[in-house]
Each structure stands twice: as structure tokens, then as C-alpha cells.
Amino acid sequence: MNVLKYVLLSVFIAFISCKKATELTNEKINNQIEFANGLEIHNYADFTVMKVTKPWPNAEKSFTYVCAKSNKEIPDSLSKYPFIQVPVKNLVVTSTTHISSVVALNHSDKLVGFPNLNYISSAIVRKKIAQGGIQELSDKENLNFEKTVDLQPQIIVGLSIDSETSKFNQFEKAGIPVLYNADWVETSPLGKAEWVKFFGVLFDQQQKADEYFNNIVSEYTNAKKLVENVRNKPTVLSGAIFQDVWYVPQGESWMAAFIKDAGGHYLWSHTKGTGSLSLSFEAVLDKALNANIWIGPGEFTTYNQMTEANKHYEKFAPYQNKQIFSYSIKKGPTGGIVFYEDAPNRPDLVLKDFISILHPELLSNYKPVFIEPLK
């Protein structure tokens, strides 16, 4: 009987000790994300669980990735998810916003391929391209399978605009994990920028990514304070005609958020939605004929281009008063628009550009980073 008690006591002690060890090993730290709606980062003692909860608009599925230096301490309950050994040694990315995050964390040396290199504007990345260190992987709208596999990237950072993910399945079957990055789905300026932490996990530099992002939050917050007490809020028009339809940002969009935070009155701020409204020229003319400012007239960079495309643009007050500003003017050496690459990752600078346009007296001698007057 004493022997049986001893055995049972030993098993009980072993169970308790093992349970405590597991709890200590897997002690969870709260989600490290504050502004992004589609990303979660949960740190444990020996690994990090990263969840992409909104990989595309209205998504009904999510993706989970387990990241660690070794998979030895990862619980069996997480074995069904892809394991990513960090720091990632090399990778292929598929959006210029990914390029911006990689550069911000000083890991451009890890890039080995990208689809359509001409879109990239970063000077440090263009230098590596010129040296042959980053390969062209474009295959129409997809990654070229053979060229990508030949590079043997540890991971591919992909994106999908809807639930169709078959274009990446072939890479996963070839043993290359595909991680979905959905920074583009975010609608708040700081929410987009916080996806730099996604790469902070992959490069095992979460602290550096946190510090980088916290500085952006601080700068953005301070910029907003500049316009807290402004009484005059200039009215703002945006967008342009494409195939007889005028597309303007909806009232809950990324662009509308910048206008509001910069002390402007966006003429469609009352509308619901985060995408674009499809309007007729007459509807826009009726509402925005006397707007004070026009920001983002599509891909136009000069007034002449606008009237050549549609003579009726000149009816608007911002055209007549030369108060049109474009984010398509500043381009990289191969034609890539810098705004598309870097602006989502630096909302603090975008906000200052907006403030300098709407309230130039608040930022004297300011030189715009992304948005410039139409030529």
C-alpha cells in the first residue's frame, strides 16, 4: 500500500511540475498590436504566434504562423500551423509597401526577388537590383514559379485581394511557406503603418519594430495637435474621372482620415465605407465646384494633362486657383510612385504634407515629402 501511495504521489508531483514548466515556458504576453485591425502578435517565452485575421476585405478565414528560433518548445496544439524559423534568412515579397518595411528595419539584404522591379523606388534596394542581388519574378499578375523556386527563398510574403489563394498553393507544395500580409486592407493611417511589426517578428527584431512604430505614433499625434484649434477647415475634393466614372474616397477611407486629422473638411466625409464612391461628373461638379483644395487627381501631374484628358476639369475652383496637389509627381528612377511605396508606412509624414497644404501657416518652410503641387 505504501508503495502504491508513493507511485501515485510521484506521478502527481511529476504532473504538477510538468504543468508548471509548461505554463512558465508558454507564459503569454498580450497582443502587441494597438491600431491594426487585421493583425495579432502574441509573444510567449519561446515562440511568437502571429495571426492575420483579415487577409482581404470581408474575409471569413484567417492565417496563423508560429515563429521561433527553434521548434523544440512549440506545443503540439500549434503543430498544425506553419512554423517559420526566425530570423528569416531570405525572402520574396510582393508589394512595394513590404519593401518599405524591410528597408525601415535595415534588412534589404534579405530580399532576393520581387514581381516587377520597376515599381521599386528605394535607393538602397535599387542599388542591390543593379548589382543583380534581387531578381525579377513577374509573370503577368503572378509570381513566376520556376524563377521563384530557383531562388530558394525561406518564405514568400504574399497578398490576395479576395479568397482566391490558388496562385500561391504551388509554392507551398514546393515547400516554401507563404505568409499573407494585409497592410493594404487597413483603413486607418496608423493601422497600416503598424504592419511593420509583422516584419519585426520575421526578422526577430520586435523591439526595433516597436521603437520605429512608436516614433511614428508620436510624430503623428504631435502633428494632429497643430490643427486642434483651427477654425477654418478648407473644403477638399479628391479623385478624378476614369472611363466616364469619377471615383472619390469614401468617408471612412484612409484618405478621408488624413483630411480630417489635418484640419480639413472632406466633401464626402459623411459617406459610409472605406473604398471608393462611383459618381458622375455632374454629381461631383454640383458638390465640389467651389472646393478650396483638390488633393489626389488620379495619375495627373500637370494642369495641361488634366484639360487634355477632360476640358471640364478647368471649371473647378481649385483648377482655376492652382490649388491642386498630386501624390503621383514624385517618382523613383524607374517610374515607381514613391507615395505608393512609402506613404502607408509613414503616415506621420503624409499628415504633415496634408497640414502644409490645408494650413501652410502652421508649417512654415516645410518641404513636402509625398504630395506636391500640380505643375
Foldseek 3Di string as FASTA:
>chain_A
DVVVVVVVVVVVVVVVVVVVVLCQQFVWDAFPDDAAPQWTWIDGNFWIKIKGRDLAPPDPDIAIEIEGCDCPSPDPVCVVHHYAHPLFQAEEEEFLQVVQLCVLVPNLLRYAEYAPPLQHFDPVNVVCVVVVRYDHQHDPNAGNPVVVVVSVGQEYEYGDNDPPPVSCVVVVVVVHYYHRDRLVRDFALLNSQLCSCVNCRNHVNNVSSVVLSVVLVVLQVVQLVLQPPDDDAFEEAEAEDDPQWTKGFALSGNVNNLSVSLRHHYQRNVGDDHGIDTHGPVVCCVRQQEGPAYEYHDQAQALVVRCVVPVCVCSRPCNVVQRYKHLNPDAHPSRHRVCRNPCSNRVSLVSVLSNCSRPVVSPDPDDRDGMGGRD
